Amino acid sequence: MLMQTILITTMLLTNCNSIWAIEKTINKEHNMQVEFDSTSINYTRKGTGETVLLFIHGWCINSTYWEKQQEYFSSKYETIALDLPGFGKSTAIRENWTIEEYSKDIICFMNHLELKNVILIGHSMAGEIVLETALTNHPSIKGIIGIDNFKMIDVQFTAEQIEQMNGFMKMLENDFANMAPAYAERFLLSPATDESVAKRIKSDFANADAKIGFLSLSNYVAYTLNESDKLRKLPYKLHLLNSNYSATNIQGLERNCKNSFEVYEMQASSHYPMIENHIEFNRQLQKIINQI
């Protein structure tokens, strides 16, 4: 029961009038940074094409988790992987570390770069960011893909499970550096996960900003309370590429995805199929992109 309770926590244009700073090249090939107000977004851009693949990482990790995808897809598409503010090399001075605020970041980012025909690809918590962004009906969005998320739509939890989740969040707030990697090891990885993959993830969790990590997850949990309603309003087909290390509640998706959905499952022993099994992941992702 604890496993189900904790898992849900991880799948857990108002500012666009701001003047963006001139784009600054960090690496002359493709590493760049843009700034607006008190927010600085680091991103990597590779390839050219009519379609843009915008990769958005999940909780407490960063854009480097998409390196194998940018290598593979940049021969056909323009690929962009960004660090969400508060993670990786992106920063922001703010108090609201919410899904809605991150969605505004994505919208402003697309507007600044004048991106067209964008497929939003969001892993873990970024699935909710993609959902919130898609609900704006932004004209640049071509389609959306979730990676190992929306697996527990309409799953009901007991009072005991909710109490356990609240207890975990309290421990996370009090001892983030130890609790975050322990949580990853127990619930997002498995004994079959490659040691180097597990070490990388636990290290990134341990070294994440504790305040931002805790608040972003807490606000994610709050967002999921209305997630079913938001899915019913989604104006796009929801494409999901999920690891088979844990089940996806298909019935919940059937009840709420009014504009259709499709779930692809792939063999993986963790919540991070894009780094664990990138060859199969890229093959499956290409199949989904071909449908959009």
Protein backbone atom coordinates (compact mmCIF):
# COMPACT_ATOMS: atom_id res chain seq x y z
CA MET A 1 0.00 0.00 0.00
CA LEU A 2 2.84 2.36 0.82
CA MET A 3 4.28 1.73 -2.60
CA GLN A 4 1.06 2.84 -4.32
CA THR A 5 0.78 5.83 -2.03
CA ILE A 6 4.28 7.10 -2.65
CA LEU A 7 4.26 6.38 -6.39
CA ILE A 8 1.44 8.85 -6.97
CA THR A 9 3.54 11.64 -5.48
CA THR A 10 6.19 11.33 -8.19
CA MET A 11 3.91 11.10 -11.19
CA LEU A 12 3.15 13.76 -9.21
CA LEU A 13 0.78 33.84 -20.99
CA THR A 14 0.65 36.19 -18.08
CA ASN A 15 4.39 36.49 -17.75
CA CYS A 16 5.04 36.20 -21.48
CA ASN A 17 4.92 39.96 -21.91
CA SER A 18 8.19 40.14 -20.04
CA ILE A 19 11.24 41.25 -21.95
CA TRP A 20 13.53 38.32 -22.59
CA ALA A 21 17.25 38.85 -22.46
CA ILE A 22 19.30 38.25 -25.57
CA GLU A 23 19.98 34.56 -26.05
CA LYS A 24 23.43 33.75 -24.69
CA THR A 25 25.57 30.96 -26.11
CA ILE A 26 27.27 28.82 -23.49
CA ASN A 27 28.53 26.20 -25.92
CA LYS A 28 28.84 27.49 -29.47
CA GLU A 29 27.24 24.34 -30.85
CA HIS A 30 23.95 24.06 -29.05
CA ASN A 31 23.94 24.79 -25.30
CA MET A 32 22.10 28.03 -24.63
CA GLN A 33 20.32 30.06 -22.02
CA VAL A 34 17.42 32.51 -22.04
CA GLU A 35 16.30 34.83 -19.29
CA PHE A 36 13.07 36.58 -18.36
CA ASP A 37 12.31 38.52 -15.22
CA SER A 38 14.09 36.56 -12.49
CA THR A 39 14.08 33.24 -14.35
CA SER A 40 16.95 31.74 -16.34
CA ILE A 41 16.35 28.64 -18.47
CA ASN A 42 19.23 26.50 -19.69
CA TYR A 43 18.58 24.32 -22.73
CA THR A 44 20.23 22.21 -25.39
CA ARG A 45 19.18 22.53 -29.04
CA LYS A 46 20.10 19.99 -31.71
CA GLY A 47 18.99 19.30 -35.25
CA THR A 48 16.63 20.95 -37.69
CA GLY A 49 13.24 20.01 -39.04
CA GLU A 50 9.64 21.12 -39.44
CA THR A 51 8.68 19.41 -36.16
CA VAL A 52 10.18 20.37 -32.81
CA LEU A 53 10.55 17.76 -30.08
CA LEU A 54 10.59 19.59 -26.74
CA PHE A 55 11.84 17.26 -24.00
CA ILE A 56 10.93 18.14 -20.40
CA HIS A 57 12.49 16.21 -17.54
CA GLY A 58 10.87 14.98 -14.34
CA TRP A 59 11.28 15.70 -10.65
CA CYS A 60 14.79 16.35 -9.28
CA ILE A 61 16.63 15.45 -12.49
CA ASN A 62 17.66 17.54 -15.52
CA SER A 63 17.89 17.85 -19.29
CA THR A 64 20.92 15.55 -19.62
CA TYR A 65 18.57 12.58 -19.18
CA TRP A 66 17.48 13.23 -22.78
CA GLU A 67 20.97 13.10 -24.35
CA LYS A 68 20.39 9.79 -26.13
CA GLN A 69 17.08 11.04 -27.50
CA GLN A 70 18.65 14.22 -28.87
CA GLU A 71 21.42 12.21 -30.49
CA TYR A 72 18.92 9.89 -32.14
CA PHE A 73 16.13 12.27 -33.19
CA SER A 74 18.18 15.33 -34.21
CA SER A 75 18.83 13.82 -37.64
CA LYS A 76 15.14 14.30 -38.50
CA TYR A 77 13.76 16.85 -36.07
CA GLU A 78 14.69 19.96 -34.18
CA THR A 79 15.20 18.73 -30.63
CA ILE A 80 15.29 20.84 -27.49
CA ALA A 81 15.84 19.64 -23.92
CA LEU A 82 15.54 22.20 -21.14
CA ASP A 83 16.23 22.34 -17.43
CA LEU A 84 13.12 23.31 -15.51
CA PRO A 85 13.71 26.30 -13.20
CA GLY A 86 15.15 25.11 -9.91
CA PHE A 87 16.73 22.02 -11.46
CA GLY A 88 19.87 21.46 -13.52
CA LYS A 89 21.36 24.79 -14.57
CA SER A 90 18.09 26.73 -14.65
CA THR A 91 17.24 29.13 -11.84
CA ALA A 92 14.37 31.32 -10.70
CA ILE A 93 13.57 33.63 -7.81
CA ARG A 94 10.02 32.68 -6.89
CA GLU A 95 7.90 31.21 -4.13
CA ASN A 96 5.38 29.33 -6.29
CA TRP A 97 6.94 26.08 -7.46
CA THR A 98 3.72 24.80 -8.98
CA ILE A 99 2.68 22.88 -12.08
CA GLU A 100 0.89 26.00 -13.28
CA GLU A 101 4.01 28.13 -12.90
CA TYR A 102 6.14 25.60 -14.76
CA SER A 103 3.54 25.57 -17.53
CA LYS A 104 3.93 29.34 -17.87
CA ASP A 105 7.68 28.81 -18.19
CA ILE A 106 7.13 26.39 -21.08
CA ILE A 107 4.73 28.74 -22.85
CA CYS A 108 7.09 31.70 -22.52
CA PHE A 109 9.99 29.55 -23.69
CA MET A 110 8.11 28.47 -26.83
CA ASN A 111 7.05 32.04 -27.54
CA HIS A 112 10.57 33.43 -27.13
CA LEU A 113 12.09 30.90 -29.50
CA GLU A 114 9.10 31.24 -31.85
CA LEU A 115 8.70 27.48 -31.95
CA LYS A 116 6.14 25.91 -34.30
CA ASN A 117 4.81 22.36 -34.65
CA VAL A 118 5.93 21.40 -31.16
CA ILE A 119 5.48 17.94 -29.70
CA LEU A 120 5.73 18.24 -25.92
CA ILE A 121 7.39 15.21 -24.32
CA GLY A 122 7.22 15.15 -20.51
CA HIS A 123 8.65 12.59 -18.13
CA SER A 124 7.18 11.89 -14.68
CA MET A 125 6.02 15.15 -13.06
CA ALA A 126 6.54 16.92 -16.40
CA GLY A 127 3.54 14.98 -17.71
CA GLU A 128 1.37 17.26 -15.59
CA ILE A 129 3.29 20.29 -16.83
CA VAL A 130 2.62 19.17 -20.41
CA LEU A 131 -1.06 18.63 -19.57
CA GLU A 132 -1.42 22.11 -18.08
CA THR A 133 0.37 23.62 -21.07
CA ALA A 134 -1.80 21.75 -23.56
CA LEU A 135 -4.94 23.03 -21.86
CA THR A 136 -4.04 26.55 -23.04
CA ASN A 137 -4.58 25.48 -26.66
CA HIS A 138 -1.31 27.17 -27.59
CA PRO A 139 -1.18 27.31 -31.41
CA SER A 140 2.37 25.95 -31.57
CA ILE A 141 1.50 22.63 -29.92
CA LYS A 142 1.19 19.75 -32.36
CA GLY A 143 0.81 16.91 -29.86
CA ILE A 144 1.75 15.62 -26.42
CA ILE A 145 3.54 12.53 -25.12
CA GLY A 146 3.86 11.42 -21.50
CA ILE A 147 6.73 9.23 -20.33
CA ASP A 148 5.93 6.90 -17.42
CA ASN A 149 3.11 9.02 -16.06
CA PHE A 150 -0.69 9.17 -15.73
CA LYS A 151 -0.50 5.57 -14.49
CA MET A 152 -2.81 5.94 -11.51
CA ILE A 153 -5.73 8.04 -12.74
CA ASP A 154 -8.82 7.49 -10.56
CA VAL A 155 -6.99 5.10 -8.23
CA GLN A 156 -8.60 5.46 -4.79
CA PHE A 157 -6.53 5.42 -1.61
CA THR A 158 -7.58 4.50 1.89
CA ALA A 159 -7.29 6.80 4.89
CA GLU A 160 -4.35 4.73 6.08
CA GLN A 161 -2.54 5.14 2.77
CA ILE A 162 -3.12 8.90 2.81
CA GLU A 163 -1.75 9.04 6.33
CA GLN A 164 1.34 7.12 5.19
CA MET A 165 1.83 9.54 2.31
CA ASN A 166 1.55 12.52 4.64
CA GLY A 167 4.10 10.92 6.91
CA PHE A 168 6.50 10.46 4.01
CA MET A 169 6.10 14.10 2.97
CA LYS A 170 6.92 15.19 6.51
CA MET A 171 10.09 13.10 6.52
CA LEU A 172 11.02 14.46 3.10
CA GLU A 173 10.63 18.03 4.31
CA ASN A 174 12.77 17.39 7.39
CA ASP A 175 15.54 15.35 5.75
CA PHE A 176 15.38 15.78 1.98
CA ALA A 177 18.98 14.82 1.19
CA ASN A 178 18.52 11.36 2.70
CA MET A 179 14.84 10.69 2.12
CA ALA A 180 14.74 11.63 -1.58
CA PRO A 181 17.35 9.07 -2.73
CA ALA A 182 15.96 6.45 -0.33
CA TYR A 183 12.55 6.96 -1.89
CA ALA A 184 14.04 6.62 -5.39
CA GLU A 185 15.77 3.38 -4.47
CA ARG A 186 12.66 1.84 -2.96
CA PHE A 187 9.92 2.98 -5.31
CA LEU A 188 11.36 4.23 -8.62
CA LEU A 189 14.11 1.68 -9.12
CA SER A 190 14.33 -2.08 -8.65
CA PRO A 191 17.03 -4.67 -7.94
CA ALA A 192 17.24 -5.23 -11.72
CA THR A 193 18.06 -1.58 -12.45
CA ASP A 194 21.61 -1.08 -13.70
CA GLU A 195 23.87 0.10 -10.89
CA SER A 196 25.13 3.13 -12.82
CA VAL A 197 21.57 4.25 -13.58
CA ALA A 198 20.52 3.88 -9.94
CA LYS A 199 23.61 5.72 -8.70
CA ARG A 200 23.01 8.63 -11.08
CA ILE A 201 19.38 9.06 -10.06
CA LYS A 202 20.00 8.82 -6.33
CA SER A 203 22.86 11.31 -6.59
CA ASP A 204 20.70 13.81 -8.51
CA PHE A 205 17.93 13.45 -5.93
CA ALA A 206 20.31 13.92 -3.00
CA ASN A 207 21.85 17.02 -4.55
CA ALA A 208 18.62 18.71 -5.62
CA ASP A 209 17.60 21.93 -3.89
CA ALA A 210 15.69 20.68 -0.85
CA LYS A 211 13.19 23.55 -0.69
CA ILE A 212 12.38 23.47 -4.40
CA GLY A 213 12.27 19.67 -4.44
CA PHE A 214 9.84 19.51 -1.53
CA LEU A 215 7.59 22.37 -2.66
CA SER A 216 7.39 21.20 -6.27
CA LEU A 217 6.39 17.71 -5.17
CA SER A 218 3.87 19.02 -2.63
CA ASN A 219 2.27 21.24 -5.26
CA TYR A 220 2.28 18.37 -7.71
CA VAL A 221 0.30 16.25 -5.26
CA ALA A 222 -2.23 19.08 -4.91
CA TYR A 223 -2.50 19.31 -8.70
CA THR A 224 -3.32 15.61 -9.02
CA LEU A 225 -6.49 16.10 -6.97
CA ASN A 226 -8.07 17.71 -10.05
CA GLU A 227 -6.15 15.74 -12.64
CA SER A 228 -9.11 13.71 -13.89
CA ASP A 229 -11.11 16.89 -14.58
CA LYS A 230 -8.18 18.37 -16.47
CA LEU A 231 -7.78 15.23 -18.59
CA ARG A 232 -11.44 15.45 -19.58
CA LYS A 233 -10.75 18.94 -20.96
CA LEU A 234 -7.57 17.96 -22.81
CA PRO A 235 -7.95 18.98 -26.49
CA TYR A 236 -5.32 16.49 -27.72
CA LYS A 237 -4.96 12.75 -27.87
CA LEU A 238 -2.84 11.60 -24.93
CA HIS A 239 0.07 9.39 -26.00
CA LEU A 240 1.87 7.53 -23.21
CA LEU A 241 5.10 5.53 -23.24
CA ASN A 242 5.24 3.78 -19.88
CA SER A 243 7.63 1.33 -18.28
CA ASN A 244 6.10 -2.02 -17.41
CA TYR A 245 7.76 -2.12 -13.97
CA SER A 246 4.43 -0.84 -12.61
CA ALA A 247 0.92 -1.05 -14.04
CA THR A 248 -1.06 1.69 -15.79
CA ASN A 249 -4.71 2.05 -14.73
CA ILE A 250 -6.28 1.86 -18.19
CA GLN A 251 -9.82 2.16 -16.82
CA GLY A 252 -9.07 5.59 -15.37
CA LEU A 253 -7.75 6.80 -18.71
CA GLU A 254 -10.78 5.39 -20.50
CA ARG A 255 -13.11 7.33 -18.23
CA ASN A 256 -11.32 10.64 -18.52
CA CYS A 257 -9.50 11.00 -21.85
CA LYS A 258 -12.35 12.31 -23.99
CA ASN A 259 -10.07 12.97 -26.97
CA SER A 260 -8.65 9.46 -26.93
CA PHE A 261 -5.43 8.03 -25.58
CA GLU A 262 -2.94 5.31 -26.39
CA VAL A 263 -0.54 3.57 -24.04
CA TYR A 264 2.67 1.98 -25.23
CA GLU A 265 4.51 -0.19 -22.72
CA MET A 266 8.17 -1.11 -22.84
CA GLN A 267 10.44 -3.39 -20.86
CA ALA A 268 12.24 -1.46 -18.14
CA SER A 269 13.06 -1.99 -14.49
CA SER A 270 12.66 1.61 -13.44
CA HIS A 271 10.88 4.93 -13.83
CA TYR A 272 13.61 6.12 -16.25
CA PRO A 273 13.32 4.13 -19.50
CA MET A 274 14.97 6.85 -21.60
CA ILE A 275 18.33 6.21 -19.93
CA GLU A 276 17.87 2.58 -18.90
CA ASN A 277 16.93 1.19 -22.32
CA HIS A 278 17.38 4.07 -24.73
CA ILE A 279 17.50 2.00 -27.92
CA GLU A 280 14.08 0.43 -27.35
CA PHE A 281 12.77 3.68 -25.90
CA ASN A 282 13.74 5.64 -29.02
CA ARG A 283 12.21 3.01 -31.27
CA GLN A 284 8.90 3.17 -29.41
CA LEU A 285 8.95 6.95 -29.21
CA GLN A 286 9.45 7.18 -32.97
CA LYS A 287 6.34 5.04 -33.48
CA ILE A 288 4.33 7.49 -31.37
CA ILE A 289 5.76 10.56 -33.11
CA ASN A 290 4.79 9.05 -36.46
CA GLN A 291 1.13 9.11 -35.35
CA ILE A 292 1.11 12.81 -34.42
